[in-house]
Amino acid sequence: MVSGMDQRDEERAEVLLSKWMRRLRIQIPIRTERTSIWQVVGESGRAGCSLVGVVFDEQTGCIYHTRRLKEEDIVHELLHVAHPDWRESEVVNETNRLLSRAPQLNRLSLNPA
């Protein structure tokens, strides 16, 4: 059973996912799936770790997560989809750049020319 808070978190994540997929011009369907921390094993082999990561191919993708998704998580993972050849540092830098511009982009989208 999904609690009210979890349902609102999922709905918020879906809205952000749709918004950023449009902005990044991602055409393949991407979904999100919450995963138990006990299904994630860290580098040391210890179970119970946090995870946000994307798995994708030419036809579909999924952002797996063990915690509430933040907008930064969604943008970051979608950039991996949009630019699979980028290094992690490039994805991080572009995530930061896009999110620093996000308030301006929201104002522009609210006032179409």
Protein backbone atom coordinates (compact mmCIF):
# COMPACT_ATOMS: atom_id res chain seq x y z
CA MET A 1 0.00 0.00 0.00
CA VAL A 2 1.28 3.45 -0.95
CA SER A 3 0.94 6.16 1.69
CA GLY A 4 -0.40 9.61 0.84
CA MET A 5 3.09 11.12 1.08
CA ASP A 6 4.56 8.45 -1.19
CA GLN A 7 1.77 8.98 -3.72
CA ARG A 8 2.40 12.76 -3.77
CA ASP A 9 6.15 12.13 -4.16
CA GLU A 10 5.48 9.81 -7.10
CA GLU A 11 3.13 12.31 -8.75
CA ARG A 12 5.65 15.13 -8.28
CA ALA A 13 8.42 12.98 -9.78
CA GLU A 14 6.22 12.16 -12.80
CA VAL A 15 5.53 15.87 -13.41
CA LEU A 16 9.26 16.69 -13.19
CA LEU A 17 10.14 13.71 -15.38
CA SER A 18 7.73 14.85 -18.12
CA LYS A 19 8.94 18.45 -17.92
CA TRP A 20 12.62 17.57 -18.23
CA MET A 21 12.06 14.91 -20.90
CA ARG A 22 10.45 17.64 -23.03
CA ARG A 23 13.25 20.12 -22.32
CA LEU A 24 15.96 17.58 -23.12
CA ARG A 25 14.01 16.28 -26.14
CA ILE A 26 14.04 12.67 -24.96
CA GLN A 27 11.70 10.64 -27.14
CA ILE A 28 11.86 7.19 -25.52
CA PRO A 29 9.55 6.43 -22.58
CA ILE A 30 11.26 6.67 -19.20
CA ARG A 31 9.63 5.42 -16.02
CA THR A 32 10.64 5.50 -12.38
CA GLU A 33 10.72 2.55 -10.01
CA ARG A 34 11.28 2.69 -6.29
CA THR A 35 13.54 -0.10 -5.04
CA SER A 36 14.20 -1.30 -1.51
CA ILE A 37 17.58 -0.37 -0.06
CA TRP A 38 17.97 -4.07 0.74
CA GLN A 39 18.13 -4.82 -2.99
CA VAL A 40 21.17 -2.54 -3.37
CA VAL A 41 24.68 -3.68 -2.52
CA GLY A 42 27.48 -1.15 -2.09
CA GLU A 43 31.09 -1.43 -3.23
CA SER A 44 32.01 -3.18 0.02
CA GLY A 45 29.34 -5.83 -0.58
CA ARG A 46 27.14 -4.47 2.20
CA ALA A 47 23.38 -4.47 1.50
CA GLY A 48 21.22 -1.52 2.44
CA CYS A 49 22.63 1.28 0.30
CA SER A 50 21.01 4.29 -1.34
CA LEU A 51 20.72 4.39 -5.13
CA VAL A 52 19.52 6.66 -7.91
CA GLY A 53 20.45 5.41 -11.35
CA VAL A 54 19.12 4.99 -14.88
CA VAL A 55 19.11 1.95 -17.13
CA PHE A 56 18.12 2.51 -20.76
CA ASP A 57 18.40 1.35 -24.33
CA GLU A 58 17.11 2.68 -27.67
CA GLN A 59 13.48 1.92 -26.79
CA THR A 60 12.88 2.53 -23.08
CA GLY A 61 14.44 3.49 -19.78
CA CYS A 62 13.91 3.35 -16.04
CA ILE A 63 15.23 5.50 -13.19
CA TYR A 64 15.63 3.21 -10.18
CA HIS A 65 15.70 4.88 -6.78
CA THR A 66 15.71 3.97 -3.10
CA ARG A 67 14.73 7.41 -1.83
CA ARG A 68 12.52 10.34 -2.80
CA LEU A 69 13.63 11.72 -6.16
CA LYS A 70 14.73 15.33 -6.26
CA GLU A 71 14.61 17.45 -9.39
CA GLU A 72 18.40 17.31 -9.51
CA ASP A 73 18.26 13.48 -9.59
CA ILE A 74 15.82 13.47 -12.49
CA VAL A 75 17.75 16.02 -14.55
CA HIS A 76 21.03 14.22 -13.88
CA GLU A 77 19.72 10.79 -14.90
CA LEU A 78 17.93 12.15 -17.97
CA LEU A 79 21.17 13.78 -19.10
CA HIS A 80 22.75 10.32 -19.08
CA VAL A 81 19.98 9.25 -21.48
CA ALA A 82 20.23 12.34 -23.68
CA HIS A 83 24.04 12.22 -23.82
CA PRO A 84 25.25 8.65 -23.20
CA ASP A 85 28.74 9.53 -24.45
CA TRP A 86 29.30 12.22 -21.78
CA ARG A 87 31.61 11.67 -18.83
CA GLU A 88 30.09 11.88 -15.33
CA SER A 89 31.74 15.28 -14.78
CA GLU A 90 30.03 16.65 -17.91
CA VAL A 91 26.66 15.39 -16.69
CA VAL A 92 27.22 16.96 -13.26
CA ASN A 93 28.26 20.30 -14.78
CA GLU A 94 25.27 20.40 -17.14
CA THR A 95 22.88 19.40 -14.36
CA ASN A 96 24.13 22.32 -12.28
CA ARG A 97 23.91 24.71 -15.24
CA LEU A 98 20.36 23.67 -16.16
CA LEU A 99 19.10 23.86 -12.60
CA SER A 100 20.63 27.30 -12.09
CA ARG A 101 18.63 28.41 -15.17
CA ALA A 102 15.43 26.53 -14.21
CA PRO A 103 13.64 29.53 -12.61
CA GLN A 104 14.24 31.55 -15.79
CA LEU A 105 13.00 28.70 -17.97
CA ASN A 106 9.84 28.40 -15.86
CA ARG A 107 9.12 32.13 -16.24
CA LEU A 108 9.66 31.91 -20.00
CA SER A 109 7.30 28.94 -20.33
CA LEU A 110 4.61 30.76 -18.34
CA ASN A 111 4.79 33.82 -20.63
CA PRO A 112 4.90 32.49 -24.19
CA ALA A 113 5.71 35.02 -26.89
